[in-house]
Amino acid sequence: MLDLQLFLLFIPVAAVFTIAPGPDSIMLLGRALGQGRMAGVAAAAGCALGILITSVLVAAGLSAVVA
């Protein structure tokens, strides 16, 4: 069990990690600001496709482990 001091330290650290943008967000922002809206949309589509492929591969790997 966490004591109160560790818990009070955990809350702001968890909040910072929750609020901080990830690498996808930073890349999308930079692409859209530097090259325009369509480049930002294309980058967002690429990120979404990457997440989809990763999710499918993770599901396939988990099903292989469980089976």
PDB file of N, CA and C in Angstrom:
ATOM      1  N   MET A   1       0.840  -1.184   0.000  1.00  0.00           N
ATOM      2  CA  MET A   1       0.000   0.000   0.000  1.00  0.00           C
ATOM      3  C   MET A   1       0.884   1.245   0.000  1.00  0.00           C
ATOM      4  N   LEU A   2       0.477   2.246  -0.743  1.00  0.00           N
ATOM      5  CA  LEU A   2       1.218   3.507  -0.780  1.00  0.00           C
ATOM      6  C   LEU A   2       0.912   4.327   0.459  1.00  0.00           C
ATOM      7  N   ASP A   3       1.947   4.921   1.020  1.00  0.00           N
ATOM      8  CA  ASP A   3       1.669   5.843   2.106  1.00  0.00           C
ATOM      9  C   ASP A   3       1.277   7.195   1.510  1.00  0.00           C
ATOM     10  N   LEU A   4       0.807   8.095   2.336  1.00  0.00           N
ATOM     11  CA  LEU A   4       0.246   9.360   1.869  1.00  0.00           C
ATOM     12  C   LEU A   4       1.271  10.210   1.127  1.00  0.00           C
ATOM     13  N   GLN A   5       2.507  10.231   1.583  1.00  0.00           N
ATOM     14  CA  GLN A   5       3.534  11.055   0.946  1.00  0.00           C
ATOM     15  C   GLN A   5       3.808  10.587  -0.489  1.00  0.00           C
ATOM     16  N   LEU A   6       3.925   9.293  -0.705  1.00  0.00           N
ATOM     17  CA  LEU A   6       4.138   8.780  -2.055  1.00  0.00           C
ATOM     18  C   LEU A   6       2.925   9.021  -2.947  1.00  0.00           C
ATOM     19  N   PHE A   7       1.746   8.891  -2.386  1.00  0.00           N
ATOM     20  CA  PHE A   7       0.535   9.128  -3.162  1.00  0.00           C
ATOM     21  C   PHE A   7       0.438  10.580  -3.596  1.00  0.00           C
ATOM     22  N   LEU A   8       0.760  11.506  -2.697  1.00  0.00           N
ATOM     23  CA  LEU A   8       0.717  12.927  -3.036  1.00  0.00           C
ATOM     24  C   LEU A   8       1.794  13.298  -4.049  1.00  0.00           C
ATOM     25  N   LEU A   9       2.881  12.569  -4.101  1.00  0.00           N
ATOM     26  CA  LEU A   9       3.897  12.777  -5.126  1.00  0.00           C
ATOM     27  C   LEU A   9       3.456  12.168  -6.459  1.00  0.00           C
ATOM     28  N   PHE A  10       2.741  11.066  -6.403  1.00  0.00           N
ATOM     29  CA  PHE A  10       2.296  10.384  -7.616  1.00  0.00           C
ATOM     30  C   PHE A  10       1.289  11.206  -8.411  1.00  0.00           C
ATOM     31  N   ILE A  11       0.385  11.888  -7.745  1.00  0.00           N
ATOM     32  CA  ILE A  11      -0.695  12.621  -8.418  1.00  0.00           C
ATOM     33  C   ILE A  11      -0.165  13.663  -9.406  1.00  0.00           C
ATOM     34  N   PRO A  12       0.731  14.594  -9.025  1.00  0.00           N
ATOM     35  CA  PRO A  12       1.197  15.573 -10.029  1.00  0.00           C
ATOM     36  C   PRO A  12       2.037  14.943 -11.135  1.00  0.00           C
ATOM     37  N   VAL A  13       2.808  13.924 -10.817  1.00  0.00           N
ATOM     38  CA  VAL A  13       3.612  13.264 -11.853  1.00  0.00           C
ATOM     39  C   VAL A  13       2.692  12.587 -12.868  1.00  0.00           C
ATOM     40  N   ALA A  14       1.665  11.912 -12.407  1.00  0.00           N
ATOM     41  CA  ALA A  14       0.708  11.277 -13.315  1.00  0.00           C
ATOM     42  C   ALA A  14      -0.032  12.320 -14.148  1.00  0.00           C
ATOM     43  N   ALA A  15      -0.350  13.464 -13.551  1.00  0.00           N
ATOM     44  CA  ALA A  15      -1.036  14.527 -14.292  1.00  0.00           C
ATOM     45  C   ALA A  15      -0.156  15.086 -15.402  1.00  0.00           C
ATOM     46  N   VAL A  16       1.133  15.267 -15.136  1.00  0.00           N
ATOM     47  CA  VAL A  16       2.052  15.779 -16.156  1.00  0.00           C
ATOM     48  C   VAL A  16       2.153  14.798 -17.314  1.00  0.00           C
ATOM     49  N   PHE A  17       2.277  13.518 -17.026  1.00  0.00           N
ATOM     50  CA  PHE A  17       2.378  12.522 -18.094  1.00  0.00           C
ATOM     51  C   PHE A  17       1.071  12.401 -18.875  1.00  0.00           C
ATOM     52  N   THR A  18      -0.057  12.670 -18.244  1.00  0.00           N
ATOM     53  CA  THR A  18      -1.338  12.611 -18.934  1.00  0.00           C
ATOM     54  C   THR A  18      -1.523  13.808 -19.859  1.00  0.00           C
ATOM     55  N   ILE A  19      -1.092  14.981 -19.427  1.00  0.00           N
ATOM     56  CA  ILE A  19      -1.284  16.212 -20.192  1.00  0.00           C
ATOM     57  C   ILE A  19      -0.261  16.359 -21.310  1.00  0.00           C
ATOM     58  N   ALA A  20       0.943  15.864 -21.115  1.00  0.00           N
ATOM     59  CA  ALA A  20       2.021  16.051 -22.093  1.00  0.00           C
ATOM     60  C   ALA A  20       1.666  15.392 -23.425  1.00  0.00           C
ATOM     61  N   PRO A  21       1.883  16.111 -24.526  1.00  0.00           N
ATOM     62  CA  PRO A  21       1.573  15.515 -25.835  1.00  0.00           C
ATOM     63  C   PRO A  21       2.580  14.440 -26.206  1.00  0.00           C
ATOM     64  N   GLY A  22       2.119  13.472 -26.933  1.00  0.00           N
ATOM     65  CA  GLY A  22       2.989  12.396 -27.380  1.00  0.00           C
ATOM     66  C   GLY A  22       3.696  12.764 -28.669  1.00  0.00           C
ATOM     67  N   PRO A  23       4.535  11.876 -29.163  1.00  0.00           N
ATOM     68  CA  PRO A  23       5.286  12.163 -30.385  1.00  0.00           C
ATOM     69  C   PRO A  23       4.381  12.329 -31.607  1.00  0.00           C
ATOM     70  N   ASP A  24       3.258  11.608 -31.647  1.00  0.00           N
ATOM     71  CA  ASP A  24       2.332  11.769 -32.773  1.00  0.00           C
ATOM     72  C   ASP A  24       1.746  13.177 -32.804  1.00  0.00           C
ATOM     73  N   SER A  25       1.338  13.676 -31.650  1.00  0.00           N
ATOM     74  CA  SER A  25       0.754  15.016 -31.589  1.00  0.00           C
ATOM     75  C   SER A  25       1.754  16.086 -31.987  1.00  0.00           C
ATOM     76  N   ILE A  26       2.976  15.945 -31.529  1.00  0.00           N
ATOM     77  CA  ILE A  26       4.005  16.927 -31.868  1.00  0.00           C
ATOM     78  C   ILE A  26       4.304  16.883 -33.362  1.00  0.00           C
ATOM     79  N   MET A  27       4.393  15.692 -33.929  1.00  0.00           N
ATOM     80  CA  MET A  27       4.655  15.564 -35.361  1.00  0.00           C
ATOM     81  C   MET A  27       3.506  16.140 -36.183  1.00  0.00           C
ATOM     82  N   LEU A  28       2.272  15.862 -35.792  1.00  0.00           N
ATOM     83  CA  LEU A  28       1.123  16.392 -36.520  1.00  0.00           C
ATOM     84  C   LEU A  28       1.076  17.910 -36.470  1.00  0.00           C
ATOM     85  N   LEU A  29       1.319  18.466 -35.309  1.00  0.00           N
ATOM     86  CA  LEU A  29       1.309  19.921 -35.166  1.00  0.00           C
ATOM     87  C   LEU A  29       2.389  20.563 -36.026  1.00  0.00           C
ATOM     88  N   GLY A  30       3.577  20.012 -35.986  1.00  0.00           N
ATOM     89  CA  GLY A  30       4.671  20.552 -36.792  1.00  0.00           C
ATOM     90  C   GLY A  30       4.402  20.439 -38.283  1.00  0.00           C
ATOM     91  N   ARG A  31       3.861  19.309 -38.701  1.00  0.00           N
ATOM     92  CA  ARG A  31       3.569  19.097 -40.123  1.00  0.00           C
ATOM     93  C   ARG A  31       2.478  20.055 -40.593  1.00  0.00           C
ATOM     94  N   ALA A  32       1.419  20.205 -39.809  1.00  0.00           N
ATOM     95  CA  ALA A  32       0.313  21.075 -40.207  1.00  0.00           C
ATOM     96  C   ALA A  32       0.736  22.542 -40.225  1.00  0.00           C
ATOM     97  N   LEU A  33       1.518  22.959 -39.247  1.00  0.00           N
ATOM     98  CA  LEU A  33       1.957  24.355 -39.215  1.00  0.00           C
ATOM     99  C   LEU A  33       2.986  24.653 -40.295  1.00  0.00           C
ATOM    100  N   GLY A  34       3.846  23.703 -40.583  1.00  0.00           N
ATOM    101  CA  GLY A  34       4.916  23.942 -41.542  1.00  0.00           C
ATOM    102  C   GLY A  34       4.516  23.746 -42.987  1.00  0.00           C
ATOM    103  N   GLN A  35       3.617  22.781 -43.243  1.00  0.00           N
ATOM    104  CA  GLN A  35       3.319  22.428 -44.631  1.00  0.00           C
ATOM    105  C   GLN A  35       1.846  22.554 -44.997  1.00  0.00           C
ATOM    106  N   GLY A  36       1.017  22.934 -44.065  1.00  0.00           N
ATOM    107  CA  GLY A  36      -0.385  23.167 -44.384  1.00  0.00           C
ATOM    108  C   GLY A  36      -1.318  22.079 -43.884  1.00  0.00           C
ATOM    109  N   ARG A  37      -2.598  22.380 -44.076  1.00  0.00           N
ATOM    110  CA  ARG A  37      -3.653  21.525 -43.551  1.00  0.00           C
ATOM    111  C   ARG A  37      -3.648  20.127 -44.170  1.00  0.00           C
ATOM    112  N   MET A  38      -3.492  20.035 -45.468  1.00  0.00           N
ATOM    113  CA  MET A  38      -3.543  18.718 -46.124  1.00  0.00           C
ATOM    114  C   MET A  38      -2.379  17.826 -45.692  1.00  0.00           C
ATOM    115  N   ALA A  39      -1.219  18.422 -45.466  1.00  0.00           N
ATOM    116  CA  ALA A  39      -0.095  17.632 -44.964  1.00  0.00           C
ATOM    117  C   ALA A  39      -0.392  17.130 -43.554  1.00  0.00           C
ATOM    118  N   GLY A  40      -1.061  17.951 -42.751  1.00  0.00           N
ATOM    119  CA  GLY A  40      -1.467  17.521 -41.419  1.00  0.00           C
ATOM    120  C   GLY A  40      -2.479  16.394 -41.462  1.00  0.00           C
ATOM    121  N   VAL A  41      -3.420  16.484 -42.398  1.00  0.00           N
ATOM    122  CA  VAL A  41      -4.422  15.419 -42.553  1.00  0.00           C
ATOM    123  C   VAL A  41      -3.755  14.124 -43.005  1.00  0.00           C
ATOM    124  N   ALA A  42      -2.809  14.240 -43.946  1.00  0.00           N
ATOM    125  CA  ALA A  42      -2.100  13.044 -44.409  1.00  0.00           C
ATOM    126  C   ALA A  42      -1.279  12.420 -43.280  1.00  0.00           C
ATOM    127  N   ALA A  43      -0.647  13.254 -42.464  1.00  0.00           N
ATOM    128  CA  ALA A  43       0.125  12.737 -41.338  1.00  0.00           C
ATOM    129  C   ALA A  43      -0.792  12.071 -40.313  1.00  0.00           C
ATOM    130  N   ALA A  44      -1.964  12.656 -40.075  1.00  0.00           N
ATOM    131  CA  ALA A  44      -2.925  12.052 -39.149  1.00  0.00           C
ATOM    132  C   ALA A  44      -3.407  10.704 -39.669  1.00  0.00           C
ATOM    133  N   ALA A  45      -3.642  10.618 -40.976  1.00  0.00           N
ATOM    134  CA  ALA A  45      -4.055   9.341 -41.562  1.00  0.00           C
ATOM    135  C   ALA A  45      -2.947   8.303 -41.419  1.00  0.00           C
ATOM    136  N   GLY A  46      -1.705   8.718 -41.595  1.00  0.00           N
ATOM    137  CA  GLY A  46      -0.581   7.800 -41.416  1.00  0.00           C
ATOM    138  C   GLY A  46      -0.461   7.316 -39.982  1.00  0.00           C
ATOM    139  N   CYS A  47      -0.654   8.223 -39.032  1.00  0.00           N
ATOM    140  CA  CYS A  47      -0.616   7.820 -37.618  1.00  0.00           C
ATOM    141  C   CYS A  47      -1.746   6.844 -37.300  1.00  0.00           C
ATOM    142  N   ALA A  48      -2.937   7.122 -37.814  1.00  0.00           N
ATOM    143  CA  ALA A  48      -4.073   6.231 -37.571  1.00  0.00           C
ATOM    144  C   ALA A  48      -3.831   4.855 -38.185  1.00  0.00           C
ATOM    145  N   LEU A  49      -3.266   4.825 -39.382  1.00  0.00           N
ATOM    146  CA  LEU A  49      -2.956   3.545 -40.019  1.00  0.00           C
ATOM    147  C   LEU A  49      -1.914   2.772 -39.216  1.00  0.00           C
ATOM    148  N   GLY A  50      -0.913   3.470 -38.706  1.00  0.00           N
ATOM    149  CA  GLY A  50       0.100   2.819 -37.882  1.00  0.00           C
ATOM    150  C   GLY A  50      -0.481   2.230 -36.607  1.00  0.00           C
ATOM    151  N   ILE A  51      -1.399   2.955 -35.982  1.00  0.00           N
ATOM    152  CA  ILE A  51      -2.053   2.452 -34.775  1.00  0.00           C
ATOM    153  C   ILE A  51      -2.906   1.230 -35.105  1.00  0.00           C
ATOM    154  N   LEU A  52      -3.599   1.276 -36.238  1.00  0.00           N
ATOM    155  CA  LEU A  52      -4.419   0.136 -36.655  1.00  0.00           C
ATOM    156  C   LEU A  52      -3.565  -1.101 -36.898  1.00  0.00           C
ATOM    157  N   ILE A  53      -2.473  -0.943 -37.617  1.00  0.00           N
ATOM    158  CA  ILE A  53      -1.586  -2.083 -37.901  1.00  0.00           C
ATOM    159  C   ILE A  53      -1.001  -2.646 -36.613  1.00  0.00           C
ATOM    160  N   THR A  54      -0.567  -1.769 -35.726  1.00  0.00           N
ATOM    161  CA  THR A  54      -0.018  -2.220 -34.449  1.00  0.00           C
ATOM    162  C   THR A  54      -1.065  -2.976 -33.640  1.00  0.00           C
ATOM    163  N   SER A  55      -2.293  -2.468 -33.622  1.00  0.00           N
ATOM    164  CA  SER A  55      -3.363  -3.134 -32.872  1.00  0.00           C
ATOM    165  C   SER A  55      -3.666  -4.516 -33.431  1.00  0.00           C
ATOM    166  N   VAL A  56      -3.688  -4.638 -34.754  1.00  0.00           N
ATOM    167  CA  VAL A  56      -3.948  -5.942 -35.374  1.00  0.00           C
ATOM    168  C   VAL A  56      -2.830  -6.924 -35.038  1.00  0.00           C
ATOM    169  N   LEU A  57      -1.587  -6.464 -35.108  1.00  0.00           N
ATOM    170  CA  LEU A  57      -0.463  -7.349 -34.789  1.00  0.00           C
ATOM    171  C   LEU A  57      -0.460  -7.763 -33.318  1.00  0.00           C
ATOM    172  N   VAL A  58      -0.818  -6.838 -32.430  1.00  0.00           N
ATOM    173  CA  VAL A  58      -0.897  -7.181 -31.006  1.00  0.00           C
ATOM    174  C   VAL A  58      -2.001  -8.203 -30.773  1.00  0.00           C
ATOM    175  N   ALA A  59      -3.153  -8.002 -31.412  1.00  0.00           N
ATOM    176  CA  ALA A  59      -4.252  -8.960 -31.256  1.00  0.00           C
ATOM    177  C   ALA A  59      -3.861 -10.333 -31.788  1.00  0.00           C
ATOM    178  N   ALA A  60      -3.160 -10.371 -32.909  1.00  0.00           N
ATOM    179  CA  ALA A  60      -2.719 -11.657 -33.463  1.00  0.00           C
ATOM    180  C   ALA A  60      -1.714 -12.329 -32.535  1.00  0.00           C
ATOM    181  N   GLY A  61      -0.815 -11.552 -31.979  1.00  0.00           N
ATOM    182  CA  GLY A  61       0.166 -12.119 -31.054  1.00  0.00           C
ATOM    183  C   GLY A  61      -0.477 -12.643 -29.784  1.00  0.00           C
ATOM    184  N   LEU A  62      -1.428 -11.887 -29.242  1.00  0.00           N
ATOM    185  CA  LEU A  62      -2.119 -12.347 -28.038  1.00  0.00           C
ATOM    186  C   LEU A  62      -2.946 -13.594 -28.308  1.00  0.00           C
ATOM    187  N   SER A  63      -3.579 -13.650 -29.470  1.00  0.00           N
ATOM    188  CA  SER A  63      -4.367 -14.849 -29.771  1.00  0.00           C
ATOM    189  C   SER A  63      -3.462 -16.063 -29.954  1.00  0.00           C
ATOM    190  N   ALA A  64      -2.249 -15.855 -30.461  1.00  0.00           N
ATOM    191  CA  ALA A  64      -1.305 -16.972 -30.597  1.00  0.00           C
ATOM    192  C   ALA A  64      -0.826 -17.449 -29.231  1.00  0.00           C
ATOM    193  N   VAL A  65      -0.660 -16.530 -28.298  1.00  0.00           N
ATOM    194  CA  VAL A  65      -0.211 -16.902 -26.953  1.00  0.00           C
ATOM    195  C   VAL A  65      -1.323 -17.629 -26.209  1.00  0.00           C
ATOM    196  N   VAL A  66      -2.540 -17.145 -26.331  1.00  0.00           N
ATOM    197  CA  VAL A  66      -3.666 -17.731 -25.609  1.00  0.00           C
ATOM    198  C   VAL A  66      -4.048 -19.089 -26.186  1.00  0.00           C
ATOM    199  N   ALA A  67      -3.961 -19.242 -27.493  1.00  0.00           N
ATOM    200  CA  ALA A  67      -4.397 -20.489 -28.143  1.00  0.00           C
ATOM    201  C   ALA A  67      -3.454 -21.634 -27.906  1.00  0.00           C
TER     202      ALA A  67
END
